[in-house]
N, C-alpha and C. Protein backbone atom coordinates (compact mmCIF):
# COMPACT_ATOMS: atom_id res chain seq x y z
N MET A 1 0.87 -1.17 0.00
CA MET A 1 0.00 0.00 0.00
C MET A 1 0.92 1.24 0.00
N ASN A 2 0.70 2.14 -0.95
CA ASN A 2 1.55 3.32 -1.02
C ASN A 2 1.18 4.32 0.08
N LYS A 3 2.00 5.35 0.20
CA LYS A 3 1.84 6.34 1.29
C LYS A 3 0.49 7.05 1.22
N TYR A 4 0.04 7.41 0.00
CA TYR A 4 -1.24 8.09 -0.17
C TYR A 4 -2.39 7.20 0.28
N MET A 5 -2.38 5.95 -0.16
CA MET A 5 -3.46 5.02 0.19
C MET A 5 -3.47 4.73 1.69
N LYS A 6 -2.29 4.64 2.29
CA LYS A 6 -2.23 4.40 3.73
C LYS A 6 -2.83 5.58 4.49
N GLY A 7 -2.52 6.80 4.05
CA GLY A 7 -3.08 7.99 4.68
C GLY A 7 -4.58 8.07 4.52
N LEU A 8 -5.06 7.75 3.31
CA LEU A 8 -6.50 7.76 3.05
C LEU A 8 -7.21 6.71 3.89
N HIS A 9 -6.61 5.53 3.98
CA HIS A 9 -7.19 4.46 4.80
C HIS A 9 -7.24 4.88 6.27
N SER A 10 -6.18 5.50 6.77
CA SER A 10 -6.15 5.96 8.16
C SER A 10 -7.23 7.02 8.42
N LEU A 11 -7.39 7.94 7.48
CA LEU A 11 -8.40 8.99 7.62
C LEU A 11 -9.81 8.40 7.62
N THR A 12 -10.08 7.51 6.68
CA THR A 12 -11.41 6.92 6.62
C THR A 12 -11.69 6.06 7.84
N PHE A 13 -10.68 5.36 8.34
CA PHE A 13 -10.86 4.56 9.55
C PHE A 13 -11.19 5.48 10.73
N LEU A 14 -10.48 6.59 10.86
CA LEU A 14 -10.75 7.54 11.93
C LEU A 14 -12.17 8.08 11.85
N LEU A 15 -12.61 8.43 10.65
CA LEU A 15 -13.97 8.94 10.48
C LEU A 15 -15.02 7.87 10.82
N LEU A 16 -14.73 6.61 10.51
CA LEU A 16 -15.67 5.53 10.87
C LEU A 16 -15.72 5.34 12.38
N VAL A 17 -14.60 5.49 13.06
CA VAL A 17 -14.60 5.41 14.53
C VAL A 17 -15.42 6.56 15.10
N ILE A 18 -15.23 7.76 14.57
CA ILE A 18 -16.01 8.92 15.04
C ILE A 18 -17.50 8.66 14.81
N GLY A 19 -17.85 8.14 13.64
CA GLY A 19 -19.26 7.83 13.36
C GLY A 19 -19.82 6.78 14.30
N GLY A 20 -19.04 5.75 14.57
CA GLY A 20 -19.49 4.71 15.49
C GLY A 20 -19.68 5.23 16.91
N LEU A 21 -18.74 6.06 17.36
CA LEU A 21 -18.87 6.65 18.69
C LEU A 21 -20.07 7.60 18.75
N ASN A 22 -20.32 8.29 17.65
CA ASN A 22 -21.49 9.16 17.60
C ASN A 22 -22.78 8.36 17.79
N TRP A 23 -22.90 7.22 17.09
CA TRP A 23 -24.09 6.39 17.25
C TRP A 23 -24.20 5.84 18.67
N LEU A 24 -23.06 5.54 19.29
CA LEU A 24 -23.08 5.10 20.69
C LEU A 24 -23.64 6.20 21.59
N LEU A 25 -23.20 7.44 21.37
CA LEU A 25 -23.69 8.57 22.16
C LEU A 25 -25.18 8.80 21.94
N VAL A 26 -25.62 8.67 20.69
CA VAL A 26 -27.04 8.84 20.38
C VAL A 26 -27.86 7.76 21.07
N GLY A 27 -27.37 6.52 21.02
CA GLY A 27 -28.10 5.41 21.62
C GLY A 27 -28.16 5.48 23.13
N LEU A 28 -27.07 5.89 23.76
CA LEU A 28 -27.03 5.92 25.22
C LEU A 28 -27.62 7.19 25.82
N PHE A 29 -27.34 8.33 25.21
CA PHE A 29 -27.67 9.61 25.83
C PHE A 29 -28.57 10.50 24.98
N GLN A 30 -28.98 10.03 23.80
CA GLN A 30 -29.76 10.84 22.87
C GLN A 30 -29.08 12.17 22.57
N TRP A 31 -27.75 12.11 22.44
CA TRP A 31 -26.94 13.28 22.13
C TRP A 31 -25.89 12.86 21.12
N GLY A 32 -25.74 13.64 20.07
CA GLY A 32 -24.77 13.32 19.03
C GLY A 32 -23.72 14.40 18.87
N ILE A 33 -22.64 14.04 18.22
CA ILE A 33 -21.54 14.98 17.98
C ILE A 33 -22.01 16.19 17.18
N GLY A 34 -22.98 16.00 16.31
CA GLY A 34 -23.51 17.11 15.52
C GLY A 34 -24.07 18.24 16.36
N ASP A 35 -24.49 17.92 17.59
CA ASP A 35 -25.02 18.95 18.49
C ASP A 35 -23.96 19.99 18.85
N LEU A 36 -22.70 19.60 18.81
CA LEU A 36 -21.61 20.55 19.10
C LEU A 36 -21.52 21.64 18.04
N PHE A 37 -21.98 21.32 16.83
CA PHE A 37 -21.83 22.24 15.70
C PHE A 37 -23.15 22.88 15.29
N GLY A 38 -24.12 22.88 16.16
CA GLY A 38 -25.39 23.54 15.86
C GLY A 38 -26.53 22.61 15.50
N GLY A 39 -26.39 21.34 15.76
CA GLY A 39 -27.46 20.40 15.48
C GLY A 39 -27.28 19.68 14.16
N ASP A 40 -28.18 18.75 13.89
CA ASP A 40 -28.08 17.92 12.70
C ASP A 40 -28.24 18.70 11.40
N GLY A 41 -28.93 19.82 11.43
CA GLY A 41 -29.16 20.59 10.22
C GLY A 41 -28.07 21.58 9.89
N ALA A 42 -27.11 21.80 10.79
CA ALA A 42 -26.04 22.76 10.55
C ALA A 42 -25.13 22.27 9.44
N VAL A 43 -24.58 23.18 8.69
CA VAL A 43 -23.74 22.85 7.55
C VAL A 43 -22.52 22.02 7.99
N VAL A 44 -21.88 22.40 9.08
CA VAL A 44 -20.70 21.67 9.55
C VAL A 44 -21.08 20.23 9.91
N SER A 45 -22.19 20.06 10.59
CA SER A 45 -22.65 18.71 10.97
C SER A 45 -22.93 17.87 9.74
N ARG A 46 -23.57 18.47 8.77
CA ARG A 46 -23.91 17.73 7.54
C ARG A 46 -22.65 17.33 6.78
N ILE A 47 -21.65 18.20 6.76
CA ILE A 47 -20.38 17.88 6.10
C ILE A 47 -19.71 16.69 6.80
N ILE A 48 -19.71 16.72 8.14
CA ILE A 48 -19.13 15.61 8.90
C ILE A 48 -19.88 14.31 8.60
N TYR A 49 -21.20 14.35 8.59
CA TYR A 49 -21.99 13.15 8.31
C TYR A 49 -21.72 12.62 6.89
N VAL A 50 -21.59 13.52 5.92
CA VAL A 50 -21.29 13.10 4.55
C VAL A 50 -19.90 12.46 4.48
N LEU A 51 -18.92 13.05 5.16
CA LEU A 51 -17.58 12.48 5.15
C LEU A 51 -17.54 11.10 5.81
N VAL A 52 -18.28 10.93 6.89
CA VAL A 52 -18.35 9.62 7.56
C VAL A 52 -19.01 8.61 6.62
N GLY A 53 -20.08 9.00 5.95
CA GLY A 53 -20.75 8.10 5.01
C GLY A 53 -19.87 7.73 3.83
N LEU A 54 -19.16 8.70 3.27
CA LEU A 54 -18.24 8.42 2.17
C LEU A 54 -17.10 7.51 2.62
N SER A 55 -16.66 7.68 3.86
CA SER A 55 -15.62 6.81 4.41
C SER A 55 -16.10 5.37 4.48
N ALA A 56 -17.35 5.19 4.88
CA ALA A 56 -17.91 3.84 4.94
C ALA A 56 -17.96 3.21 3.55
N VAL A 57 -18.39 3.97 2.56
CA VAL A 57 -18.45 3.46 1.18
C VAL A 57 -17.05 3.09 0.70
N TYR A 58 -16.09 3.94 0.96
CA TYR A 58 -14.70 3.68 0.55
C TYR A 58 -14.17 2.41 1.22
N GLU A 59 -14.37 2.29 2.52
CA GLU A 59 -13.86 1.12 3.24
C GLU A 59 -14.52 -0.17 2.77
N VAL A 60 -15.80 -0.12 2.46
CA VAL A 60 -16.48 -1.31 1.92
C VAL A 60 -15.87 -1.68 0.58
N ALA A 61 -15.57 -0.69 -0.25
CA ALA A 61 -15.04 -0.95 -1.58
C ALA A 61 -13.64 -1.55 -1.55
N ILE A 62 -12.79 -1.12 -0.60
CA ILE A 62 -11.41 -1.60 -0.58
C ILE A 62 -11.14 -2.62 0.52
N HIS A 63 -12.13 -2.97 1.29
CA HIS A 63 -11.91 -3.81 2.46
C HIS A 63 -11.18 -5.11 2.13
N LYS A 64 -11.63 -5.81 1.14
CA LYS A 64 -11.07 -7.13 0.82
C LYS A 64 -9.58 -7.05 0.52
N GLN A 65 -9.15 -6.01 -0.18
CA GLN A 65 -7.74 -5.92 -0.54
C GLN A 65 -6.86 -5.36 0.56
N SER A 66 -7.43 -4.65 1.55
CA SER A 66 -6.59 -4.05 2.58
C SER A 66 -6.68 -4.77 3.93
N CYS A 67 -7.63 -5.67 4.07
CA CYS A 67 -7.81 -6.37 5.34
C CYS A 67 -6.87 -7.58 5.42
N LYS A 68 -6.08 -7.65 6.45
CA LYS A 68 -5.14 -8.76 6.61
C LYS A 68 -5.85 -10.08 6.79
N PHE A 69 -6.98 -10.06 7.44
CA PHE A 69 -7.73 -11.30 7.67
C PHE A 69 -8.43 -11.79 6.41
N CYS A 70 -9.03 -10.88 5.66
CA CYS A 70 -9.76 -11.26 4.45
C CYS A 70 -8.83 -11.65 3.31
N SER A 71 -7.67 -11.03 3.23
CA SER A 71 -6.76 -11.30 2.12
C SER A 71 -6.06 -12.65 2.24
N LYS A 72 -6.09 -13.28 3.42
CA LYS A 72 -5.49 -14.59 3.60
C LYS A 72 -6.30 -15.68 2.93
N GLY A 73 -7.58 -15.42 2.72
CA GLY A 73 -8.44 -16.41 2.09
C GLY A 73 -8.96 -17.46 3.05
N ASP A 74 -8.70 -17.28 4.34
CA ASP A 74 -9.21 -18.23 5.33
C ASP A 74 -10.71 -18.12 5.46
N GLN A 75 -11.36 -19.22 5.68
CA GLN A 75 -12.80 -19.24 5.89
C GLN A 75 -13.06 -19.26 7.38
N MET A 76 -14.14 -18.63 7.80
CA MET A 76 -14.52 -18.62 9.21
C MET A 76 -15.13 -19.92 9.60
């Protein structure tokens, strides 16, 4: 994996962790990270949500080739 792809993978992984923690906060406390930026309708919140969603799409698309467990070909 080249330096650019490694950086992109790290960024998308970080955004997925942020998204997952956000859903945890929503589920436990009915409060999300978007509330820090003016609520779900605020432009900043929407940009963050779009970036998290695009990160998920990217990771799904490249998962098989970048995952150490999946690339081994082992069956569960």
